[in-house]
């Protein structure tokens, strides 16, 4: 990154404040938002906070192995995000306890399998 900063124009620009502002603006301008959070920590925190700016996400799925007993951000249940207004009260959030590298491909595959079955049924 250091060497890229000397290129004209710069090859890589990292601007956390600009990224957060853009994320918040995108969330506030959206008609609906959904969150699929794999893991936790800083990324989960900022994505949830962006949805706080629009009175909560409409949909959310958290996938991680963390439990809530230690007070970690990753381990927080969706109820915690609802209490802060990061997820809408009428949403039906889901938390999946499992390894994201295993669970997420299964979720994506099942989504496309459902679409494929629905398309096949409509063609019949």
Foldseek 3Di string as FASTA:
>chain_A
DVVQVPDVVRPDDDDPVVVLVVLLVVLQPDPAAEEEAAAFDPVNVSNLVSQLSNQAHQEYEQEEQADPPVPDGSRDDVVVSCVSRSHPPPHDYYYHRDHCVPPVVVVVVVVVVVVVVVVVVVVD
